[in-house]
C-alpha atoms as a PDB file:
ATOM      1  CA  MET A   1      84.918  99.543  78.370  1.00  0.00           C
ATOM      2  CA  THR A   2      85.360  95.782  78.572  1.00  0.00           C
ATOM      3  CA  LYS A   3      86.245  94.308  82.626  1.00  0.00           C
ATOM      4  CA  LYS A   4      89.089  91.868  83.320  1.00  0.00           C
ATOM      5  CA  GLU A   5      89.021  89.553  85.548  1.00  0.00           C
ATOM      6  CA  ARG A   6      91.766  88.461  88.152  1.00  0.00           C
ATOM      7  CA  GLU A   7      92.763  85.715  90.764  1.00  0.00           C
ATOM      8  CA  LEU A   8      92.345  87.536  94.984  1.00  0.00           C
ATOM      9  CA  THR A   9      95.824  88.264  96.429  1.00  0.00           C
ATOM     10  CA  GLY A  10      96.108  86.842  99.672  1.00  0.00           C
ATOM     11  CA  GLY A  11      97.105  89.934 101.105  1.00  0.00           C
ATOM     12  CA  GLU A  12      93.411  90.923 100.003  1.00  0.00           C
ATOM     13  CA  VAL A  13      91.535  87.432 100.917  1.00  0.00           C
ATOM     14  CA  ALA A  14      93.081  88.375 104.205  1.00  0.00           C
ATOM     15  CA  VAL A  15      91.484  92.015 104.514  1.00  0.00           C
ATOM     16  CA  ALA A  16      88.421  90.171 103.672  1.00  0.00           C
ATOM     17  CA  ILE A  17      88.965  87.203 106.276  1.00  0.00           C
ATOM     18  CA  LEU A  18      90.241  90.266 109.507  1.00  0.00           C
ATOM     19  CA  ILE A  19      87.145  92.012 108.121  1.00  0.00           C
ATOM     20  CA  LEU A  20      84.826  89.360 109.119  1.00  0.00           C
ATOM     21  CA  LEU A  21      86.741  87.623 111.946  1.00  0.00           C
ATOM     22  CA  PHE A  22      85.987  91.885 113.159  1.00  0.00           C
ATOM     23  CA  SER A  23      82.307  92.077 112.063  1.00  0.00           C
ATOM     24  CA  LEU A  24      81.825  89.288 114.794  1.00  0.00           C
ATOM     25  CA  VAL A  25      84.074  90.414 118.142  1.00  0.00           C
ATOM     26  CA  VAL A  26      81.693  94.060 117.900  1.00  0.00           C
ATOM     27  CA  LEU A  27      78.339  91.898 116.805  1.00  0.00           C
ATOM     28  CA  GLY A  28      79.027  90.062 120.064  1.00  0.00           C
ATOM     29  CA  ASN A  29      79.503  93.265 121.963  1.00  0.00           C
ATOM     30  CA  ALA A  30      76.657  95.876 120.914  1.00  0.00           C
ATOM     31  CA  THR A  31      72.466  95.958 121.232  1.00  0.00           C
ATOM     32  CA  GLU A  32      70.070  93.687 118.760  1.00  0.00           C
ATOM     33  CA  VAL A  33      69.811  96.731 117.124  1.00  0.00           C
ATOM     34  CA  CYS A  34      73.199  98.208 116.224  1.00  0.00           C
ATOM     35  CA  ARG A  35      73.894  94.647 115.694  1.00  0.00           C
ATOM     36  CA  ILE A  36      72.282  94.225 112.374  1.00  0.00           C
ATOM     37  CA  VAL A  37      73.641  98.088 110.976  1.00  0.00           C
ATOM     38  CA  ILE A  38      76.834  97.284 111.912  1.00  0.00           C
ATOM     39  CA  ALA A  39      76.792  93.925 110.079  1.00  0.00           C
ATOM     40  CA  LEU A  40      75.058  95.580 107.088  1.00  0.00           C
ATOM     41  CA  VAL A  41      77.981  98.232 106.798  1.00  0.00           C
ATOM     42  CA  MET A  42      80.757  95.789 107.052  1.00  0.00           C
ATOM     43  CA  MET A  43      79.317  93.242 104.855  1.00  0.00           C
ATOM     44  CA  ILE A  44      78.603  96.075 101.699  1.00  0.00           C
ATOM     45  CA  GLY A  45      83.098  96.805 102.369  1.00  0.00           C
ATOM     46  CA  ASP A  46      84.047  93.424 102.139  1.00  0.00           C
ATOM     47  CA  LEU A  47      81.980  93.345  99.289  1.00  0.00           C
ATOM     48  CA  VAL A  48      83.908  96.486  98.183  1.00  0.00           C
ATOM     49  CA  LEU A  49      87.017  95.511  98.469  1.00  0.00           C
ATOM     50  CA  VAL A  50      86.133  92.299  96.621  1.00  0.00           C
ATOM     51  CA  TYR A  51      84.484  94.057  93.787  1.00  0.00           C
ATOM     52  CA  GLN A  52      87.570  96.791  93.787  1.00  0.00           C
ATOM     53  CA  ALA A  53      90.190  93.774  94.194  1.00  0.00           C
ATOM     54  CA  LYS A  54      88.545  91.828  90.917  1.00  0.00           C
ATOM     55  CA  TYR A  55      88.020  94.798  88.727  1.00  0.00           C
ATOM     56  CA  PRO A  56      90.722  96.847  89.119  1.00  0.00           C
ATOM     57  CA  THR A  57      90.230 100.696  87.915  1.00  0.00           C
ATOM     58  CA  LYS A  58      93.191 102.140  85.730  1.00  0.00           C
ATOM     59  CA  LYS A  59      93.997 105.342  87.442  1.00  0.00           C
ATOM     60  CA  GLY A  60      94.910 108.684  85.631  1.00  0.00           C
ATOM     61  CA  GLY A  61      93.401 109.916  82.857  1.00  0.00           C
END
C-alpha cells in the first residue's frame, strides 16, 4: 500500500499555527515542569495533525 503525499491546505496550516500560538500562551502561565510536559504534548499533537493531513487514510472497508 503506497501513501500519496499532498500539500497542506490553508485551514490545516492555520490550525497548526493556532496550536503553536496557544502553546506559547499556555507556557507563559505554567510552572517549569508543566511547561515541559505541555510543550511535548502539544508538539506531538501538532506532528500528528500534520502527518494525518499529509497521509490521509481511506475511510471504510
